[in-house]
C-alpha atoms as a PDB file:
ATOM      1  CA  MET A   1     -28.567  32.887 -57.703  1.00  0.00           C
ATOM      2  CA  ASN A   2     -28.219  29.159 -56.884  1.00  0.00           C
ATOM      3  CA  ASN A   3     -24.435  29.584 -56.466  1.00  0.00           C
ATOM      4  CA  PHE A   4     -24.934  32.468 -54.037  1.00  0.00           C
ATOM      5  CA  LEU A   5     -27.484  30.434 -51.925  1.00  0.00           C
ATOM      6  CA  GLY A   6     -25.188  27.391 -51.888  1.00  0.00           C
ATOM      7  CA  GLN A   7     -22.178  29.501 -50.685  1.00  0.00           C
ATOM      8  CA  LEU A   8     -24.395  31.282 -48.112  1.00  0.00           C
ATOM      9  CA  SER A   9     -25.716  27.985 -46.728  1.00  0.00           C
ATOM     10  CA  SER A  10     -22.222  26.601 -46.637  1.00  0.00           C
ATOM     11  CA  LEU A  11     -20.943  29.608 -44.744  1.00  0.00           C
ATOM     12  CA  VAL A  12     -23.848  29.433 -42.240  1.00  0.00           C
ATOM     13  CA  LEU A  13     -23.159  25.738 -41.701  1.00  0.00           C
ATOM     14  CA  ARG A  14     -19.464  26.333 -41.107  1.00  0.00           C
ATOM     15  CA  LEU A  15     -20.144  29.189 -38.649  1.00  0.00           C
ATOM     16  CA  GLY A  16     -22.654  27.003 -36.850  1.00  0.00           C
ATOM     17  CA  LEU A  17     -20.140  24.166 -36.511  1.00  0.00           C
ATOM     18  CA  LEU A  18     -17.472  26.650 -35.376  1.00  0.00           C
ATOM     19  CA  LEU A  19     -19.820  28.056 -32.776  1.00  0.00           C
ATOM     20  CA  ALA A  20     -20.721  24.555 -31.534  1.00  0.00           C
ATOM     21  CA  ALA A  21     -17.040  23.620 -31.227  1.00  0.00           C
ATOM     22  CA  LEU A  22     -16.284  26.888 -29.363  1.00  0.00           C
ATOM     23  CA  ILE A  23     -19.169  26.243 -26.948  1.00  0.00           C
ATOM     24  CA  PHE A  24     -17.954  22.671 -26.336  1.00  0.00           C
ATOM     25  CA  LEU A  25     -14.381  23.941 -25.719  1.00  0.00           C
ATOM     26  CA  ALA A  26     -15.719  26.585 -23.345  1.00  0.00           C
ATOM     27  CA  SER A  27     -17.695  24.041 -21.387  1.00  0.00           C
ATOM     28  CA  LEU A  28     -14.639  21.753 -21.061  1.00  0.00           C
ATOM     29  CA  LEU A  29     -12.503  24.666 -19.895  1.00  0.00           C
ATOM     30  CA  PHE A  30     -15.250  25.682 -17.400  1.00  0.00           C
ATOM     31  CA  ALA A  31     -15.465  22.082 -16.025  1.00  0.00           C
ATOM     32  CA  ALA A  32     -11.691  21.896 -15.704  1.00  0.00           C
ATOM     33  CA  GLY A  33     -11.558  25.299 -13.946  1.00  0.00           C
ATOM     34  CA  LEU A  34     -14.332  24.279 -11.601  1.00  0.00           C
ATOM     35  CA  MET A  35     -12.476  21.096 -10.707  1.00  0.00           C
ATOM     36  CA  LEU A  36      -9.347  23.163 -10.128  1.00  0.00           C
ATOM     37  CA  VAL A  37     -11.124  25.567  -7.818  1.00  0.00           C
ATOM     38  CA  LEU A  38     -12.678  22.681  -5.879  1.00  0.00           C
ATOM     39  CA  TRP A  39      -9.293  21.016  -5.489  1.00  0.00           C
ATOM     40  CA  LEU A  40      -7.649  24.169  -4.318  1.00  0.00           C
ATOM     41  CA  LEU A  41     -10.449  24.822  -1.766  1.00  0.00           C
ATOM     42  CA  ARG A  42     -10.083  21.280  -0.503  1.00  0.00           C
ATOM     43  CA  ALA A  43      -6.287  21.644  -0.236  1.00  0.00           C
ATOM     44  CA  LEU A  44      -6.648  24.946   1.574  1.00  0.00           C
ATOM     45  CA  TRP A  45      -9.096  23.415   4.029  1.00  0.00           C
ATOM     46  CA  ALA A  46      -6.731  20.505   4.636  1.00  0.00           C
ATOM     47  CA  LYS A  47      -3.917  22.947   5.318  1.00  0.00           C
ATOM     48  CA  LEU A  48      -6.009  25.014   7.682  1.00  0.00           C
ATOM     49  CA  THR A  49      -7.112  21.934   9.661  1.00  0.00           C
ATOM     50  CA  GLY A  50      -3.621  20.406   9.734  1.00  0.00           C
ATOM     51  CA  LYS A  51      -4.621  17.320   7.728  1.00  0.00           C
ATOM     52  CA  PRO A  52      -2.569  15.897   4.812  1.00  0.00           C
ATOM     53  CA  VAL A  53      -3.973  16.628   1.361  1.00  0.00           C
ATOM     54  CA  GLN A  54      -5.344  13.347  -0.006  1.00  0.00           C
ATOM     55  CA  PRO A  55      -5.619  12.786  -3.714  1.00  0.00           C
ATOM     56  CA  TRP A  56      -9.025  12.119  -5.330  1.00  0.00           C
ATOM     57  CA  THR A  57      -9.197   8.390  -6.124  1.00  0.00           C
ATOM     58  CA  PHE A  58     -11.659   5.726  -6.977  1.00  0.00           C
ATOM     59  CA  LYS A  59     -11.593   2.930  -4.438  1.00  0.00           C
ATOM     60  CA  MET A  60     -12.327  -0.320  -6.203  1.00  0.00           C
ATOM     61  CA  HIS A  61     -12.362  -3.627  -4.414  1.00  0.00           C
ATOM     62  CA  ARG A  62     -11.269  -6.049  -7.132  1.00  0.00           C
ATOM     63  CA  SER A  63     -11.964  -9.127  -5.003  1.00  0.00           C
ATOM     64  CA  GLY A  64     -15.599  -8.136  -4.622  1.00  0.00           C
ATOM     65  CA  LEU A  65     -15.913  -7.641  -8.398  1.00  0.00           C
ATOM     66  CA  TRP A  66     -14.225 -10.952  -8.993  1.00  0.00           C
ATOM     67  CA  GLN A  67     -16.583 -12.742  -6.602  1.00  0.00           C
ATOM     68  CA  LYS A  68     -19.495 -11.018  -8.175  1.00  0.00           C
ATOM     69  CA  ALA A  69     -18.506 -12.122 -11.637  1.00  0.00           C
ATOM     70  CA  TYR A  70     -17.241 -15.670 -10.924  1.00  0.00           C
ATOM     71  CA  GLY A  71     -18.665 -16.418  -7.467  1.00  0.00           C
ATOM     72  CA  SER A  72     -21.647 -18.513  -8.393  1.00  0.00           C
ATOM     73  CA  ALA A  73     -22.671 -20.521 -11.467  1.00  0.00           C
ATOM     74  CA  ALA A  74     -26.257 -19.200 -11.434  1.00  0.00           C
ATOM     75  CA  PRO A  75     -27.353 -15.877 -10.076  1.00  0.00           C
ATOM     76  CA  GLY A  76     -28.792 -16.202  -6.673  1.00  0.00           C
ATOM     77  CA  SER A  77     -27.491 -19.672  -5.999  1.00  0.00           C
ATOM     78  CA  ASN A  78     -25.627 -20.075  -2.750  1.00  0.00           C
ATOM     79  CA  ARG A  79     -22.829 -22.623  -2.734  1.00  0.00           C
ATOM     80  CA  SER A  80     -22.310 -24.229   0.658  1.00  0.00           C
ATOM     81  CA  LYS A  81     -18.825 -24.932   1.925  1.00  0.00           C
ATOM     82  CA  ALA A  82     -19.601 -28.691   2.144  1.00  0.00           C
ATOM     83  CA  SER A  83     -19.979 -28.912  -1.620  1.00  0.00           C
ATOM     84  CA  MET A  84     -16.453 -27.632  -2.082  1.00  0.00           C
ATOM     85  CA  ASP A  85     -14.871 -30.391   0.024  1.00  0.00           C
ATOM     86  CA  VAL A  86     -12.952 -33.196  -1.608  1.00  0.00           C
ATOM     87  CA  ILE A  87     -14.777 -36.493  -1.108  1.00  0.00           C
ATOM     88  CA  ASP A  88     -12.462 -38.992  -2.898  1.00  0.00           C
ATOM     89  CA  ALA A  89      -8.863 -38.559  -4.080  1.00  0.00           C
ATOM     90  CA  GLU A  90      -6.248 -40.991  -5.285  1.00  0.00           C
ATOM     91  CA  VAL A  91      -2.638 -40.399  -4.199  1.00  0.00           C
ATOM     92  CA  THR A  92      -0.020 -41.302  -6.761  1.00  0.00           C
ATOM     93  CA  ASP A  93       3.723 -41.385  -6.433  1.00  0.00           C
ATOM     94  CA  VAL A  94       5.346 -38.767  -8.806  1.00  0.00           C
ATOM     95  CA  THR A  95       8.942 -39.464  -7.896  1.00  0.00           C
ATOM     96  CA  ASP A  96       9.190 -42.447 -10.273  1.00  0.00           C
ATOM     97  CA  VAL A  97       9.674 -40.854 -13.734  1.00  0.00           C
ATOM     98  CA  THR A  98      10.529 -43.228 -16.569  1.00  0.00           C
ATOM     99  CA  ASP A  99       9.696 -41.361 -19.815  1.00  0.00           C
ATOM    100  CA  VAL A 100      12.288 -38.570 -19.531  1.00  0.00           C
ATOM    101  CA  ARG A 101      15.789 -38.878 -20.852  1.00  0.00           C
ATOM    102  CA  GLU A 102      18.601 -37.095 -19.079  1.00  0.00           C
ATOM    103  CA  LYS A 103      20.501 -34.494 -21.092  1.00  0.00           C
ATOM    104  CA  ARG A 104      24.203 -34.501 -20.779  1.00  0.00           C
ATOM    105  CA  PRO A 105      26.309 -31.504 -21.990  1.00  0.00           C
END
């Protein structure tokens, strides 16, 4: 009797997992079909109005994200342009190089 109940519960569990997988697959296929229908309706509308069919894209402004991430040291602090100016700099002559040996072939 224990063997029969074990096999029956195993069968029910497998059928439940199979049913869950089939429902998940059907939902993915439905979502893909819905996106296809929406794309085709959009393309049809573009053809009827004489406009080119534009692809669906995400427009991401990388410079804005960069400035948001690295723009300020502390959140909410505003750096003024005057603090970015160079106050003192020493000019050195880099044409006089003495520590490099010339290689000859």
